[in-house]
Amino acid sequence: MMGWNHDGLGWGGWLVMLLGMVAFWGLVVWAVVVLFRDTRSGDTRPAHRDPLDTLGERFARGEIDETEYLARAEVLRAAHRSPLRH
């Protein structure tokens, strides 16, 4: 019966185990969040699309005819060359 109460971990050991378990599960949750955030952020579209590209896509889909395409493209090119551009 010698050492009956002294072979256990005591309060300090239980506290270390509790903190270790919380840290482990926190690390697991963090890793899952980072993994899923990175897979969804794979959007390769540019933040700002070129208006001439959009106009060309509309023309290719048949939304506008050649006359309208040429007129709008000229306006966009003139605005692009304008010194007053912001």
PDB file of N, CA and C in Angstrom:
ATOM      1  N   MET A   1       0.817  -1.197   0.000  1.00  0.00           N
ATOM      2  CA  MET A   1       0.000   0.000   0.000  1.00  0.00           C
ATOM      3  C   MET A   1       0.860   1.261   0.000  1.00  0.00           C
ATOM      4  N   MET A   2       2.072   1.047  -0.094  1.00  0.00           N
ATOM      5  CA  MET A   2       2.960   2.183  -0.067  1.00  0.00           C
ATOM      6  C   MET A   2       2.793   2.999  -1.344  1.00  0.00           C
ATOM      7  N   GLY A   3       2.692   4.332  -1.267  1.00  0.00           N
ATOM      8  CA  GLY A   3       2.544   5.197  -2.416  1.00  0.00           C
ATOM      9  C   GLY A   3       1.158   5.150  -3.037  1.00  0.00           C
ATOM     10  N   TRP A   4       0.171   4.833  -2.277  1.00  0.00           N
ATOM     11  CA  TRP A   4      -1.209   4.690  -2.767  1.00  0.00           C
ATOM     12  C   TRP A   4      -1.697   5.954  -3.452  1.00  0.00           C
ATOM     13  N   ASN A   5      -1.486   7.099  -2.911  1.00  0.00           N
ATOM     14  CA  ASN A   5      -1.985   8.365  -3.464  1.00  0.00           C
ATOM     15  C   ASN A   5      -0.938   9.105  -4.304  1.00  0.00           C
ATOM     16  N   HIS A   6       0.243   8.580  -4.386  1.00  0.00           N
ATOM     17  CA  HIS A   6       1.306   9.338  -5.052  1.00  0.00           C
ATOM     18  C   HIS A   6       1.697   8.771  -6.419  1.00  0.00           C
ATOM     19  N   ASP A   7       1.046   7.732  -6.878  1.00  0.00           N
ATOM     20  CA  ASP A   7       1.380   7.174  -8.175  1.00  0.00           C
ATOM     21  C   ASP A   7       0.614   7.834  -9.314  1.00  0.00           C
ATOM     22  N   GLY A   8      -0.448   8.576  -9.035  1.00  0.00           N
ATOM     23  CA  GLY A   8      -1.245   9.229 -10.065  1.00  0.00           C
ATOM     24  C   GLY A   8      -0.590  10.497 -10.564  1.00  0.00           C
ATOM     25  N   LEU A   9      -1.258  11.113 -11.520  1.00  0.00           N
ATOM     26  CA  LEU A   9      -0.707  12.321 -12.124  1.00  0.00           C
ATOM     27  C   LEU A   9      -0.918  13.553 -11.261  1.00  0.00           C
ATOM     28  N   GLY A  10      -1.921  13.565 -10.468  1.00  0.00           N
ATOM     29  CA  GLY A  10      -2.222  14.734  -9.667  1.00  0.00           C
ATOM     30  C   GLY A  10      -2.887  15.809 -10.507  1.00  0.00           C
ATOM     31  N   TRP A  11      -3.183  16.924  -9.885  1.00  0.00           N
ATOM     32  CA  TRP A  11      -3.869  18.019 -10.591  1.00  0.00           C
ATOM     33  C   TRP A  11      -3.018  18.623 -11.695  1.00  0.00           C
ATOM     34  N   GLY A  12      -1.749  18.709 -11.474  1.00  0.00           N
ATOM     35  CA  GLY A  12      -0.848  19.271 -12.493  1.00  0.00           C
ATOM     36  C   GLY A  12      -0.825  18.429 -13.758  1.00  0.00           C
ATOM     37  N   GLY A  13      -0.789  17.115 -13.589  1.00  0.00           N
ATOM     38  CA  GLY A  13      -0.797  16.214 -14.737  1.00  0.00           C
ATOM     39  C   GLY A  13      -2.102  16.279 -15.502  1.00  0.00           C
ATOM     40  N   TRP A  14      -3.200  16.337 -14.774  1.00  0.00           N
ATOM     41  CA  TRP A  14      -4.511  16.446 -15.425  1.00  0.00           C
ATOM     42  C   TRP A  14      -4.631  17.769 -16.176  1.00  0.00           C
ATOM     43  N   LEU A  15      -4.096  18.825 -15.613  1.00  0.00           N
ATOM     44  CA  LEU A  15      -4.147  20.127 -16.276  1.00  0.00           C
ATOM     45  C   LEU A  15      -3.309  20.114 -17.554  1.00  0.00           C
ATOM     46  N   VAL A  16      -2.146  19.506 -17.520  1.00  0.00           N
ATOM     47  CA  VAL A  16      -1.303  19.409 -18.710  1.00  0.00           C
ATOM     48  C   VAL A  16      -1.997  18.579 -19.787  1.00  0.00           C
ATOM     49  N   MET A  17      -2.618  17.464 -19.383  1.00  0.00           N
ATOM     50  CA  MET A  17      -3.336  16.637 -20.355  1.00  0.00           C
ATOM     51  C   MET A  17      -4.515  17.395 -20.965  1.00  0.00           C
ATOM     52  N   LEU A  18      -5.244  18.140 -20.141  1.00  0.00           N
ATOM     53  CA  LEU A  18      -6.393  18.909 -20.639  1.00  0.00           C
ATOM     54  C   LEU A  18      -5.935  19.964 -21.640  1.00  0.00           C
ATOM     55  N   LEU A  19      -4.891  20.709 -21.303  1.00  0.00           N
ATOM     56  CA  LEU A  19      -4.379  21.734 -22.213  1.00  0.00           C
ATOM     57  C   LEU A  19      -3.826  21.121 -23.489  1.00  0.00           C
ATOM     58  N   GLY A  20      -3.180  19.983 -23.393  1.00  0.00           N
ATOM     59  CA  GLY A  20      -2.672  19.302 -24.575  1.00  0.00           C
ATOM     60  C   GLY A  20      -3.801  18.852 -25.492  1.00  0.00           C
ATOM     61  N   MET A  21      -4.883  18.336 -24.900  1.00  0.00           N
ATOM     62  CA  MET A  21      -6.015  17.894 -25.708  1.00  0.00           C
ATOM     63  C   MET A  21      -6.693  19.078 -26.399  1.00  0.00           C
ATOM     64  N   VAL A  22      -6.870  20.181 -25.700  1.00  0.00           N
ATOM     65  CA  VAL A  22      -7.470  21.377 -26.296  1.00  0.00           C
ATOM     66  C   VAL A  22      -6.582  21.900 -27.424  1.00  0.00           C
ATOM     67  N   ALA A  23      -5.276  21.906 -27.217  1.00  0.00           N
ATOM     68  CA  ALA A  23      -4.355  22.369 -28.259  1.00  0.00           C
ATOM     69  C   ALA A  23      -4.399  21.443 -29.468  1.00  0.00           C
ATOM     70  N   PHE A  24      -4.461  20.127 -29.250  1.00  0.00           N
ATOM     71  CA  PHE A  24      -4.513  19.177 -30.352  1.00  0.00           C
ATOM     72  C   PHE A  24      -5.768  19.387 -31.189  1.00  0.00           C
ATOM     73  N   TRP A  25      -6.930  19.449 -30.549  1.00  0.00           N
ATOM     74  CA  TRP A  25      -8.174  19.607 -31.311  1.00  0.00           C
ATOM     75  C   TRP A  25      -8.258  20.990 -31.967  1.00  0.00           C
ATOM     76  N   GLY A  26      -7.691  21.988 -31.319  1.00  0.00           N
ATOM     77  CA  GLY A  26      -7.629  23.307 -31.945  1.00  0.00           C
ATOM     78  C   GLY A  26      -6.782  23.285 -33.204  1.00  0.00           C
ATOM     79  N   LEU A  27      -5.683  22.544 -33.173  1.00  0.00           N
ATOM     80  CA  LEU A  27      -4.820  22.403 -34.343  1.00  0.00           C
ATOM     81  C   LEU A  27      -5.537  21.648 -35.464  1.00  0.00           C
ATOM     82  N   VAL A  28      -6.285  20.613 -35.121  1.00  0.00           N
ATOM     83  CA  VAL A  28      -7.041  19.858 -36.122  1.00  0.00           C
ATOM     84  C   VAL A  28      -8.088  20.752 -36.785  1.00  0.00           C
ATOM     85  N   VAL A  29      -8.842  21.501 -35.993  1.00  0.00           N
ATOM     86  CA  VAL A  29      -9.875  22.400 -36.541  1.00  0.00           C
ATOM     87  C   VAL A  29      -9.225  23.457 -37.425  1.00  0.00           C
ATOM     88  N   TRP A  30      -8.123  24.027 -36.977  1.00  0.00           N
ATOM     89  CA  TRP A  30      -7.424  25.048 -37.763  1.00  0.00           C
ATOM     90  C   TRP A  30      -6.972  24.475 -39.108  1.00  0.00           C
ATOM     91  N   ALA A  31      -6.411  23.254 -39.099  1.00  0.00           N
ATOM     92  CA  ALA A  31      -5.935  22.636 -40.336  1.00  0.00           C
ATOM     93  C   ALA A  31      -7.084  22.389 -41.311  1.00  0.00           C
ATOM     94  N   VAL A  32      -8.227  21.947 -40.806  1.00  0.00           N
ATOM     95  CA  VAL A  32      -9.389  21.712 -41.674  1.00  0.00           C
ATOM     96  C   VAL A  32      -9.875  23.024 -42.279  1.00  0.00           C
ATOM     97  N   VAL A  33      -9.945  24.072 -41.478  1.00  0.00           N
ATOM     98  CA  VAL A  33     -10.393  25.377 -41.976  1.00  0.00           C
ATOM     99  C   VAL A  33      -9.441  25.894 -43.044  1.00  0.00           C
ATOM    100  N   VAL A  34      -8.148  25.816 -42.819  1.00  0.00           N
ATOM    101  CA  VAL A  34      -7.160  26.287 -43.797  1.00  0.00           C
ATOM    102  C   VAL A  34      -7.253  25.471 -45.078  1.00  0.00           C
ATOM    103  N   LEU A  35      -7.424  24.170 -44.954  1.00  0.00           N
ATOM    104  CA  LEU A  35      -7.509  23.303 -46.122  1.00  0.00           C
ATOM    105  C   LEU A  35      -8.713  23.661 -46.992  1.00  0.00           C
ATOM    106  N   PHE A  36      -9.874  23.841 -46.377  1.00  0.00           N
ATOM    107  CA  PHE A  36     -11.064  24.150 -47.158  1.00  0.00           C
ATOM    108  C   PHE A  36     -11.065  25.588 -47.660  1.00  0.00           C
ATOM    109  N   ARG A  37     -10.484  26.510 -46.938  1.00  0.00           N
ATOM    110  CA  ARG A  37     -10.414  27.898 -47.403  1.00  0.00           C
ATOM    111  C   ARG A  37      -9.523  27.986 -48.631  1.00  0.00           C
ATOM    112  N   ASP A  38      -8.418  27.255 -48.655  1.00  0.00           N
ATOM    113  CA  ASP A  38      -7.506  27.293 -49.799  1.00  0.00           C
ATOM    114  C   ASP A  38      -8.119  26.655 -51.032  1.00  0.00           C
ATOM    115  N   THR A  39      -8.929  25.615 -50.888  1.00  0.00           N
ATOM    116  CA  THR A  39      -9.516  24.987 -52.064  1.00  0.00           C
ATOM    117  C   THR A  39     -10.590  25.859 -52.675  1.00  0.00           C
ATOM    118  N   ARG A  40     -11.277  26.659 -51.889  1.00  0.00           N
ATOM    119  CA  ARG A  40     -12.323  27.522 -52.442  1.00  0.00           C
ATOM    120  C   ARG A  40     -11.762  28.821 -52.992  1.00  0.00           C
ATOM    121  N   SER A  41     -10.574  29.205 -52.592  1.00  0.00           N
ATOM    122  CA  SER A  41     -10.009  30.468 -53.071  1.00  0.00           C
ATOM    123  C   SER A  41      -9.245  30.297 -54.374  1.00  0.00           C
ATOM    124  N   GLY A  42      -9.446  29.218 -55.091  1.00  0.00           N
ATOM    125  CA  GLY A  42      -8.742  28.969 -56.333  1.00  0.00           C
ATOM    126  C   GLY A  42      -9.354  29.685 -57.524  1.00  0.00           C
ATOM    127  N   ASP A  43     -10.039  30.790 -57.289  1.00  0.00           N
ATOM    128  CA  ASP A  43     -10.663  31.552 -58.358  1.00  0.00           C
ATOM    129  C   ASP A  43      -9.579  32.276 -59.136  1.00  0.00           C
ATOM    130  N   THR A  44      -9.414  31.912 -60.402  1.00  0.00           N
ATOM    131  CA  THR A  44      -8.333  32.489 -61.194  1.00  0.00           C
ATOM    132  C   THR A  44      -8.794  33.655 -62.061  1.00  0.00           C
ATOM    133  N   ARG A  45     -10.047  34.062 -61.917  1.00  0.00           N
ATOM    134  CA  ARG A  45     -10.522  35.200 -62.707  1.00  0.00           C
ATOM    135  C   ARG A  45      -9.828  36.475 -62.242  1.00  0.00           C
ATOM    136  N   PRO A  46      -9.498  37.359 -63.168  1.00  0.00           N
ATOM    137  CA  PRO A  46      -8.886  38.619 -62.748  1.00  0.00           C
ATOM    138  C   PRO A  46      -9.901  39.468 -61.997  1.00  0.00           C
ATOM    139  N   ALA A  47      -9.398  40.294 -61.106  1.00  0.00           N
ATOM    140  CA  ALA A  47     -10.286  41.139 -60.305  1.00  0.00           C
ATOM    141  C   ALA A  47     -11.009  42.162 -61.188  1.00  0.00           C
ATOM    142  N   HIS A  48     -10.343  42.632 -62.240  1.00  0.00           N
ATOM    143  CA  HIS A  48     -10.928  43.638 -63.125  1.00  0.00           C
ATOM    144  C   HIS A  48     -10.831  43.125 -64.552  1.00  0.00           C
ATOM    145  N   ARG A  49     -11.975  42.893 -65.166  1.00  0.00           N
ATOM    146  CA  ARG A  49     -11.978  42.388 -66.550  1.00  0.00           C
ATOM    147  C   ARG A  49     -11.887  43.552 -67.529  1.00  0.00           C
ATOM    148  N   ASP A  50     -11.237  43.296 -68.642  1.00  0.00           N
ATOM    149  CA  ASP A  50     -11.108  44.295 -69.688  1.00  0.00           C
ATOM    150  C   ASP A  50     -12.462  44.453 -70.390  1.00  0.00           C
ATOM    151  N   PRO A  51     -12.986  45.680 -70.503  1.00  0.00           N
ATOM    152  CA  PRO A  51     -14.275  45.887 -71.153  1.00  0.00           C
ATOM    153  C   PRO A  51     -14.305  45.413 -72.607  1.00  0.00           C
ATOM    154  N   LEU A  52     -13.189  45.512 -73.310  1.00  0.00           N
ATOM    155  CA  LEU A  52     -13.144  45.028 -74.694  1.00  0.00           C
ATOM    156  C   LEU A  52     -13.310  43.504 -74.757  1.00  0.00           C
ATOM    157  N   ASP A  53     -12.793  42.800 -73.763  1.00  0.00           N
ATOM    158  CA  ASP A  53     -12.990  41.347 -73.708  1.00  0.00           C
ATOM    159  C   ASP A  53     -14.455  41.015 -73.502  1.00  0.00           C
ATOM    160  N   THR A  54     -15.094  41.739 -72.608  1.00  0.00           N
ATOM    161  CA  THR A  54     -16.522  41.518 -72.359  1.00  0.00           C
ATOM    162  C   THR A  54     -17.336  41.810 -73.605  1.00  0.00           C
ATOM    163  N   LEU A  55     -16.988  42.881 -74.289  1.00  0.00           N
ATOM    164  CA  LEU A  55     -17.685  43.237 -75.521  1.00  0.00           C
ATOM    165  C   LEU A  55     -17.492  42.154 -76.579  1.00  0.00           C
ATOM    166  N   GLY A  56     -16.265  41.649 -76.699  1.00  0.00           N
ATOM    167  CA  GLY A  56     -15.986  40.577 -77.647  1.00  0.00           C
ATOM    168  C   GLY A  56     -16.771  39.302 -77.336  1.00  0.00           C
ATOM    169  N   GLU A  57     -16.919  38.989 -76.058  1.00  0.00           N
ATOM    170  CA  GLU A  57     -17.703  37.820 -75.656  1.00  0.00           C
ATOM    171  C   GLU A  57     -19.178  37.995 -76.019  1.00  0.00           C
ATOM    172  N   ARG A  58     -19.693  39.198 -75.808  1.00  0.00           N
ATOM    173  CA  ARG A  58     -21.095  39.461 -76.164  1.00  0.00           C
ATOM    174  C   ARG A  58     -21.308  39.331 -77.668  1.00  0.00           C
ATOM    175  N   PHE A  59     -20.336  39.823 -78.444  1.00  0.00           N
ATOM    176  CA  PHE A  59     -20.425  39.705 -79.900  1.00  0.00           C
ATOM    177  C   PHE A  59     -20.361  38.232 -80.321  1.00  0.00           C
ATOM    178  N   ALA A  60     -19.480  37.477 -79.683  1.00  0.00           N
ATOM    179  CA  ALA A  60     -19.338  36.062 -80.023  1.00  0.00           C
ATOM    180  C   ALA A  60     -20.606  35.272 -79.685  1.00  0.00           C
ATOM    181  N   ARG A  61     -21.285  35.666 -78.624  1.00  0.00           N
ATOM    182  CA  ARG A  61     -22.531  34.973 -78.245  1.00  0.00           C
ATOM    183  C   ARG A  61     -23.716  35.400 -79.099  1.00  0.00           C
ATOM    184  N   GLY A  62     -23.533  36.461 -79.885  1.00  0.00           N
ATOM    185  CA  GLY A  62     -24.614  36.933 -80.740  1.00  0.00           C
ATOM    186  C   GLY A  62     -25.559  37.902 -80.057  1.00  0.00           C
ATOM    187  N   GLU A  63     -25.168  38.429 -78.921  1.00  0.00           N
ATOM    188  CA  GLU A  63     -26.009  39.384 -78.197  1.00  0.00           C
ATOM    189  C   GLU A  63     -26.048  40.741 -78.892  1.00  0.00           C
ATOM    190  N   ILE A  64     -24.973  41.083 -79.594  1.00  0.00           N
ATOM    191  CA  ILE A  64     -24.914  42.350 -80.336  1.00  0.00           C
ATOM    192  C   ILE A  64     -24.427  42.043 -81.748  1.00  0.00           C
ATOM    193  N   ASP A  65     -24.794  42.907 -82.686  1.00  0.00           N
ATOM    194  CA  ASP A  65     -24.365  42.694 -84.068  1.00  0.00           C
ATOM    195  C   ASP A  65     -23.024  43.389 -84.319  1.00  0.00           C
ATOM    196  N   GLU A  66     -22.494  43.241 -85.536  1.00  0.00           N
ATOM    197  CA  GLU A  66     -21.176  43.769 -85.859  1.00  0.00           C
ATOM    198  C   GLU A  66     -21.133  45.295 -85.773  1.00  0.00           C
ATOM    199  N   THR A  67     -22.184  45.947 -86.227  1.00  0.00           N
ATOM    200  CA  THR A  67     -22.222  47.419 -86.200  1.00  0.00           C
ATOM    201  C   THR A  67     -22.142  47.926 -84.770  1.00  0.00           C
ATOM    202  N   GLU A  68     -22.939  47.330 -83.895  1.00  0.00           N
ATOM    203  CA  GLU A  68     -22.930  47.754 -82.495  1.00  0.00           C
ATOM    204  C   GLU A  68     -21.587  47.430 -81.847  1.00  0.00           C
ATOM    205  N   TYR A  69     -21.022  46.266 -82.179  1.00  0.00           N
ATOM    206  CA  TYR A  69     -19.714  45.888 -81.636  1.00  0.00           C
ATOM    207  C   TYR A  69     -18.649  46.909 -82.022  1.00  0.00           C
ATOM    208  N   LEU A  70     -18.596  47.259 -83.311  1.00  0.00           N
ATOM    209  CA  LEU A  70     -17.581  48.205 -83.779  1.00  0.00           C
ATOM    210  C   LEU A  70     -17.757  49.583 -83.157  1.00  0.00           C
ATOM    211  N   ALA A  71     -19.010  50.034 -83.037  1.00  0.00           N
ATOM    212  CA  ALA A  71     -19.278  51.350 -82.446  1.00  0.00           C
ATOM    213  C   ALA A  71     -18.854  51.378 -80.978  1.00  0.00           C
ATOM    214  N   ARG A  72     -19.243  50.356 -80.241  1.00  0.00           N
ATOM    215  CA  ARG A  72     -18.896  50.327 -78.807  1.00  0.00           C
ATOM    216  C   ARG A  72     -17.392  50.133 -78.604  1.00  0.00           C
ATOM    217  N   ALA A  73     -16.775  49.323 -79.438  1.00  0.00           N
ATOM    218  CA  ALA A  73     -15.333  49.113 -79.322  1.00  0.00           C
ATOM    219  C   ALA A  73     -14.579  50.416 -79.559  1.00  0.00           C
ATOM    220  N   GLU A  74     -15.033  51.208 -80.512  1.00  0.00           N
ATOM    221  CA  GLU A  74     -14.391  52.496 -80.782  1.00  0.00           C
ATOM    222  C   GLU A  74     -14.538  53.431 -79.580  1.00  0.00           C
ATOM    223  N   VAL A  75     -15.709  53.453 -78.976  1.00  0.00           N
ATOM    224  CA  VAL A  75     -15.920  54.297 -77.777  1.00  0.00           C
ATOM    225  C   VAL A  75     -14.987  53.847 -76.654  1.00  0.00           C
ATOM    226  N   LEU A  76     -14.887  52.538 -76.454  1.00  0.00           N
ATOM    227  CA  LEU A  76     -14.011  52.042 -75.390  1.00  0.00           C
ATOM    228  C   LEU A  76     -12.547  52.351 -75.672  1.00  0.00           C
ATOM    229  N   ARG A  77     -12.127  52.201 -76.896  1.00  0.00           N
ATOM    230  CA  ARG A  77     -10.730  52.509 -77.241  1.00  0.00           C
ATOM    231  C   ARG A  77     -10.442  53.998 -77.074  1.00  0.00           C
ATOM    232  N   ALA A  78     -11.409  54.849 -77.462  1.00  0.00           N
ATOM    233  CA  ALA A  78     -11.231  56.298 -77.302  1.00  0.00           C
ATOM    234  C   ALA A  78     -11.143  56.656 -75.821  1.00  0.00           C
ATOM    235  N   ALA A  79     -11.951  56.012 -74.993  1.00  0.00           N
ATOM    236  CA  ALA A  79     -11.915  56.284 -73.552  1.00  0.00           C
ATOM    237  C   ALA A  79     -10.589  55.808 -72.957  1.00  0.00           C
ATOM    238  N   HIS A  80     -10.059  54.718 -73.496  1.00  0.00           N
ATOM    239  CA  HIS A  80      -8.791  54.184 -73.010  1.00  0.00           C
ATOM    240  C   HIS A  80      -7.631  55.124 -73.348  1.00  0.00           C
ATOM    241  N   ARG A  81      -7.702  55.792 -74.498  1.00  0.00           N
ATOM    242  CA  ARG A  81      -6.644  56.715 -74.921  1.00  0.00           C
ATOM    243  C   ARG A  81      -6.813  58.088 -74.308  1.00  0.00           C
ATOM    244  N   SER A  82      -7.953  58.385 -73.733  1.00  0.00           N
ATOM    245  CA  SER A  82      -8.256  59.716 -73.216  1.00  0.00           C
ATOM    246  C   SER A  82      -7.333  60.077 -72.058  1.00  0.00           C
ATOM    247  N   PRO A  83      -6.782  61.296 -72.057  1.00  0.00           N
ATOM    248  CA  PRO A  83      -5.908  61.730 -70.964  1.00  0.00           C
ATOM    249  C   PRO A  83      -6.714  62.015 -69.681  1.00  0.00           C
ATOM    250  N   LEU A  84      -8.010  62.126 -69.781  1.00  0.00           N
ATOM    251  CA  LEU A  84      -8.842  62.412 -68.609  1.00  0.00           C
ATOM    252  C   LEU A  84      -9.243  61.149 -67.864  1.00  0.00           C
ATOM    253  N   ARG A  85      -8.707  60.044 -68.276  1.00  0.00           N
ATOM    254  CA  ARG A  85      -9.053  58.756 -67.678  1.00  0.00           C
ATOM    255  C   ARG A  85      -8.593  58.730 -66.214  1.00  0.00           C
ATOM    256  N   HIS A  86      -9.435  58.159 -65.356  1.00  0.00           N
ATOM    257  CA  HIS A  86      -9.129  58.126 -63.911  1.00  0.00           C
ATOM    258  C   HIS A  86      -8.276  56.954 -63.585  1.00  0.00           C
TER     259      HIS A  86
END
